[in-house]
Amino acid sequence: MSLREKIIDKLKTIEDPEVHTDVLSLKLVYDLNVDEENKTVSLKFKPTVPNCPIGVQLAINLKRNLMEVEGVKKINVEVTDFIMAEQANEYLKMLDENK
């Protein structure tokens, strides 16, 4: 199974707890790029609504879950279309620093 397939399978298991549907089906994840050679993944994530009360939490959960995928060396998640996108992106960067 390719790294891309593993990432997609994992994304199908990560749900938005308020609507009980996975982030892929909700189209909350886009611009997914998987570099098989360097084992890096980048994607953009947008919460269900711009003022989602759990948007930051969901972005962190998304990144943590993807970091569990076997073979992944680095995950870059960029939060967009969200009133707290700047803060969310800062938290996500801190996850890399605290490895």
N, C-alpha and C. Protein backbone atom coordinates (compact mmCIF):
# COMPACT_ATOMS: atom_id res chain seq x y z
N MET A 1 0.85 -1.18 0.00
CA MET A 1 0.00 0.00 0.00
C MET A 1 0.89 1.24 0.00
N SER A 2 0.59 2.18 -0.86
CA SER A 2 1.39 3.40 -0.95
C SER A 2 1.11 4.29 0.26
N LEU A 3 2.02 5.22 0.49
CA LEU A 3 1.83 6.16 1.59
C LEU A 3 0.56 6.99 1.37
N ARG A 4 0.32 7.38 0.14
CA ARG A 4 -0.90 8.15 -0.17
C ARG A 4 -2.15 7.37 0.22
N GLU A 5 -2.18 6.09 -0.11
CA GLU A 5 -3.33 5.25 0.24
C GLU A 5 -3.50 5.14 1.76
N LYS A 6 -2.38 5.03 2.47
CA LYS A 6 -2.43 4.96 3.93
C LYS A 6 -3.00 6.25 4.52
N ILE A 7 -2.57 7.38 3.95
CA ILE A 7 -3.05 8.68 4.42
C ILE A 7 -4.55 8.81 4.16
N ILE A 8 -4.99 8.45 2.98
CA ILE A 8 -6.41 8.53 2.65
C ILE A 8 -7.23 7.62 3.57
N ASP A 9 -6.73 6.42 3.80
CA ASP A 9 -7.43 5.51 4.72
C ASP A 9 -7.54 6.12 6.12
N LYS A 10 -6.48 6.75 6.57
CA LYS A 10 -6.49 7.36 7.90
C LYS A 10 -7.47 8.53 7.94
N LEU A 11 -7.49 9.35 6.89
CA LEU A 11 -8.40 10.49 6.84
C LEU A 11 -9.86 10.05 6.92
N LYS A 12 -10.14 8.87 6.40
CA LYS A 12 -11.50 8.34 6.45
C LYS A 12 -11.92 7.96 7.86
N THR A 13 -10.97 7.88 8.79
CA THR A 13 -11.29 7.51 10.17
C THR A 13 -11.38 8.72 11.10
N ILE A 14 -11.02 9.89 10.61
CA ILE A 14 -11.01 11.10 11.44
C ILE A 14 -12.33 11.84 11.23
N GLU A 15 -13.14 11.88 12.29
CA GLU A 15 -14.47 12.47 12.17
C GLU A 15 -14.55 13.85 12.79
N ASP A 16 -15.43 14.65 12.23
CA ASP A 16 -15.84 15.88 12.88
C ASP A 16 -16.87 15.43 13.91
N PRO A 17 -16.56 15.59 15.19
CA PRO A 17 -17.44 15.05 16.22
C PRO A 17 -18.83 15.71 16.29
N GLU A 18 -18.96 16.86 15.70
CA GLU A 18 -20.27 17.52 15.75
C GLU A 18 -21.23 16.99 14.69
N VAL A 19 -20.69 16.50 13.59
CA VAL A 19 -21.57 15.98 12.53
C VAL A 19 -21.39 14.48 12.31
N HIS A 20 -20.44 13.87 13.02
CA HIS A 20 -20.20 12.42 12.98
C HIS A 20 -19.95 11.90 11.56
N THR A 21 -19.17 12.66 10.82
CA THR A 21 -18.80 12.28 9.46
C THR A 21 -17.31 12.55 9.30
N ASP A 22 -16.65 11.72 8.52
CA ASP A 22 -15.19 11.89 8.38
C ASP A 22 -14.83 13.13 7.57
N VAL A 23 -13.63 13.64 7.84
CA VAL A 23 -13.19 14.90 7.23
C VAL A 23 -13.05 14.81 5.72
N LEU A 24 -12.79 13.62 5.21
CA LEU A 24 -12.66 13.46 3.76
C LEU A 24 -14.03 13.55 3.09
N SER A 25 -15.01 12.86 3.64
CA SER A 25 -16.37 12.91 3.07
C SER A 25 -16.95 14.31 3.14
N LEU A 26 -16.60 15.05 4.20
CA LEU A 26 -17.08 16.42 4.35
C LEU A 26 -16.33 17.41 3.46
N LYS A 27 -15.28 16.94 2.80
CA LYS A 27 -14.43 17.78 1.95
C LYS A 27 -13.77 18.90 2.74
N LEU A 28 -13.36 18.57 3.97
CA LEU A 28 -12.67 19.53 4.82
C LEU A 28 -11.17 19.50 4.57
N VAL A 29 -10.70 18.47 3.89
CA VAL A 29 -9.28 18.33 3.55
C VAL A 29 -9.16 18.47 2.04
N TYR A 30 -8.22 19.32 1.61
CA TYR A 30 -8.00 19.50 0.18
C TYR A 30 -6.53 19.80 -0.07
N ASP A 31 -6.16 19.86 -1.33
CA ASP A 31 -4.76 20.05 -1.74
C ASP A 31 -3.83 19.05 -1.06
N LEU A 32 -4.25 17.80 -1.03
CA LEU A 32 -3.44 16.74 -0.42
C LEU A 32 -2.27 16.40 -1.34
N ASN A 33 -1.06 16.53 -0.82
CA ASN A 33 0.14 16.17 -1.56
C ASN A 33 0.95 15.21 -0.71
N VAL A 34 1.30 14.07 -1.31
CA VAL A 34 2.10 13.06 -0.61
C VAL A 34 3.37 12.83 -1.40
N ASP A 35 4.49 13.10 -0.77
CA ASP A 35 5.79 12.86 -1.38
C ASP A 35 6.26 11.49 -0.90
N GLU A 36 6.08 10.50 -1.74
CA GLU A 36 6.40 9.11 -1.38
C GLU A 36 7.89 8.94 -1.08
N GLU A 37 8.73 9.64 -1.83
CA GLU A 37 10.18 9.49 -1.66
C GLU A 37 10.66 10.05 -0.33
N ASN A 38 10.21 11.28 0.00
CA ASN A 38 10.66 11.93 1.24
C ASN A 38 9.75 11.65 2.43
N LYS A 39 8.65 10.92 2.18
CA LYS A 39 7.71 10.53 3.25
C LYS A 39 7.09 11.73 3.95
N THR A 40 6.78 12.76 3.17
CA THR A 40 6.15 13.95 3.72
C THR A 40 4.75 14.13 3.12
N VAL A 41 3.89 14.73 3.92
CA VAL A 41 2.51 14.94 3.53
C VAL A 41 2.17 16.40 3.80
N SER A 42 1.48 17.03 2.87
CA SER A 42 0.97 18.37 3.11
C SER A 42 -0.48 18.41 2.65
N LEU A 43 -1.26 19.18 3.37
CA LEU A 43 -2.67 19.31 3.04
C LEU A 43 -3.22 20.59 3.64
N LYS A 44 -4.36 20.97 3.16
CA LYS A 44 -5.08 22.11 3.73
C LYS A 44 -6.35 21.57 4.38
N PHE A 45 -6.70 22.21 5.49
CA PHE A 45 -7.88 21.80 6.25
C PHE A 45 -8.72 23.03 6.54
N LYS A 46 -10.01 22.89 6.32
CA LYS A 46 -10.93 23.98 6.69
C LYS A 46 -12.04 23.38 7.55
N PRO A 47 -12.28 23.97 8.72
CA PRO A 47 -13.39 23.50 9.55
C PRO A 47 -14.72 23.64 8.82
N THR A 48 -15.74 23.00 9.34
CA THR A 48 -17.04 22.98 8.67
C THR A 48 -17.63 24.37 8.49
N VAL A 49 -17.38 25.26 9.45
CA VAL A 49 -17.84 26.65 9.34
C VAL A 49 -16.70 27.57 9.81
N PRO A 50 -16.66 28.82 9.33
CA PRO A 50 -15.55 29.71 9.68
C PRO A 50 -15.38 29.98 11.18
N ASN A 51 -16.45 29.83 11.94
CA ASN A 51 -16.35 30.08 13.38
C ASN A 51 -16.54 28.79 14.19
N CYS A 52 -16.14 27.68 13.62
CA CYS A 52 -16.29 26.36 14.25
C CYS A 52 -15.69 26.38 15.66
N PRO A 53 -16.46 26.01 16.68
CA PRO A 53 -15.96 26.07 18.05
C PRO A 53 -14.86 25.05 18.35
N ILE A 54 -14.75 24.03 17.52
CA ILE A 54 -13.70 23.02 17.75
C ILE A 54 -12.70 22.95 16.61
N GLY A 55 -12.62 24.01 15.82
CA GLY A 55 -11.73 24.02 14.65
C GLY A 55 -10.28 23.78 14.99
N VAL A 56 -9.77 24.44 16.01
CA VAL A 56 -8.36 24.27 16.40
C VAL A 56 -8.15 22.84 16.89
N GLN A 57 -9.03 22.38 17.74
CA GLN A 57 -8.93 21.02 18.28
C GLN A 57 -8.96 19.98 17.15
N LEU A 58 -9.83 20.17 16.20
CA LEU A 58 -9.95 19.24 15.09
C LEU A 58 -8.69 19.25 14.22
N ALA A 59 -8.11 20.41 13.99
CA ALA A 59 -6.87 20.50 13.20
C ALA A 59 -5.73 19.77 13.90
N ILE A 60 -5.62 19.95 15.21
CA ILE A 60 -4.57 19.27 15.98
C ILE A 60 -4.81 17.77 15.95
N ASN A 61 -6.04 17.35 16.13
CA ASN A 61 -6.37 15.93 16.09
C ASN A 61 -6.03 15.34 14.72
N LEU A 62 -6.33 16.07 13.68
CA LEU A 62 -6.03 15.63 12.32
C LEU A 62 -4.53 15.38 12.16
N LYS A 63 -3.73 16.36 12.56
CA LYS A 63 -2.28 16.21 12.40
C LYS A 63 -1.74 15.07 13.26
N ARG A 64 -2.18 14.98 14.50
CA ARG A 64 -1.70 13.91 15.38
C ARG A 64 -2.04 12.53 14.82
N ASN A 65 -3.24 12.39 14.30
CA ASN A 65 -3.63 11.10 13.72
C ASN A 65 -2.81 10.76 12.50
N LEU A 66 -2.54 11.74 11.65
CA LEU A 66 -1.75 11.46 10.46
C LEU A 66 -0.30 11.16 10.79
N MET A 67 0.19 11.73 11.89
CA MET A 67 1.57 11.46 12.31
C MET A 67 1.74 10.00 12.75
N GLU A 68 0.64 9.32 13.05
CA GLU A 68 0.67 7.92 13.45
C GLU A 68 0.80 6.96 12.27
N VAL A 69 0.60 7.46 11.06
CA VAL A 69 0.66 6.59 9.88
C VAL A 69 2.09 6.11 9.68
N GLU A 70 2.23 4.81 9.55
CA GLU A 70 3.56 4.20 9.39
C GLU A 70 4.26 4.75 8.14
N GLY A 71 5.50 5.18 8.34
CA GLY A 71 6.31 5.66 7.23
C GLY A 71 6.33 7.17 7.07
N VAL A 72 5.43 7.88 7.73
CA VAL A 72 5.38 9.33 7.59
C VAL A 72 6.48 9.97 8.42
N LYS A 73 7.23 10.88 7.79
CA LYS A 73 8.28 11.61 8.50
C LYS A 73 7.82 13.01 8.89
N LYS A 74 6.98 13.63 8.05
CA LYS A 74 6.56 15.00 8.33
C LYS A 74 5.16 15.23 7.75
N ILE A 75 4.35 15.93 8.55
CA ILE A 75 3.00 16.30 8.13
C ILE A 75 2.88 17.82 8.21
N ASN A 76 2.49 18.43 7.12
CA ASN A 76 2.23 19.87 7.10
C ASN A 76 0.73 20.07 6.89
N VAL A 77 0.07 20.62 7.90
CA VAL A 77 -1.35 20.92 7.82
C VAL A 77 -1.51 22.43 7.89
N GLU A 78 -2.19 22.99 6.90
CA GLU A 78 -2.48 24.42 6.91
C GLU A 78 -3.98 24.61 7.07
N VAL A 79 -4.37 25.35 8.10
CA VAL A 79 -5.78 25.63 8.35
C VAL A 79 -6.18 26.88 7.56
N THR A 80 -7.31 26.79 6.87
CA THR A 80 -7.80 27.90 6.05
C THR A 80 -9.27 28.14 6.34
N ASP A 81 -9.78 29.25 5.87
CA ASP A 81 -11.21 29.57 5.94
C ASP A 81 -11.77 29.43 7.35
N PHE A 82 -11.04 29.97 8.32
CA PHE A 82 -11.40 29.82 9.72
C PHE A 82 -10.97 31.08 10.46
N ILE A 83 -11.82 31.58 11.35
CA ILE A 83 -11.50 32.84 12.03
C ILE A 83 -10.26 32.74 12.92
N MET A 84 -9.92 31.54 13.35
CA MET A 84 -8.74 31.36 14.18
C MET A 84 -7.63 30.60 13.44
N ALA A 85 -7.58 30.73 12.12
CA ALA A 85 -6.61 30.00 11.31
C ALA A 85 -5.18 30.30 11.73
N GLU A 86 -4.88 31.56 12.00
CA GLU A 86 -3.52 31.93 12.38
C GLU A 86 -3.09 31.21 13.67
N GLN A 87 -3.96 31.22 14.66
CA GLN A 87 -3.65 30.56 15.93
C GLN A 87 -3.54 29.04 15.73
N ALA A 88 -4.44 28.48 14.96
CA ALA A 88 -4.41 27.04 14.70
C ALA A 88 -3.10 26.64 14.02
N ASN A 89 -2.68 27.43 13.04
CA ASN A 89 -1.43 27.11 12.34
C ASN A 89 -0.22 27.22 13.27
N GLU A 90 -0.26 28.15 14.22
CA GLU A 90 0.82 28.25 15.21
C GLU A 90 0.86 27.02 16.10
N TYR A 91 -0.29 26.55 16.56
CA TYR A 91 -0.35 25.33 17.37
C TYR A 91 0.21 24.14 16.60
N LEU A 92 -0.15 24.05 15.33
CA LEU A 92 0.32 22.93 14.51
C LEU A 92 1.84 22.96 14.35
N LYS A 93 2.41 24.14 14.21
CA LYS A 93 3.87 24.25 14.14
C LYS A 93 4.52 23.82 15.43
N MET A 94 3.88 24.13 16.56
CA MET A 94 4.43 23.74 17.87
C MET A 94 4.46 22.22 18.01
N LEU A 95 3.54 21.53 17.38
CA LEU A 95 3.56 20.07 17.44
C LEU A 95 4.85 19.53 16.85
N ASP A 96 5.34 20.15 15.77
CA ASP A 96 6.60 19.73 15.15
C ASP A 96 7.77 20.00 16.07
N GLU A 97 7.73 21.14 16.75
CA GLU A 97 8.83 21.54 17.63
C GLU A 97 8.90 20.68 18.88
N ASN A 98 7.78 20.14 19.31
CA ASN A 98 7.72 19.37 20.55
C ASN A 98 7.82 17.86 20.34
N LYS A 99 8.25 17.43 19.19
CA LYS A 99 8.39 16.00 18.91
C LYS A 99 9.36 15.35 19.84
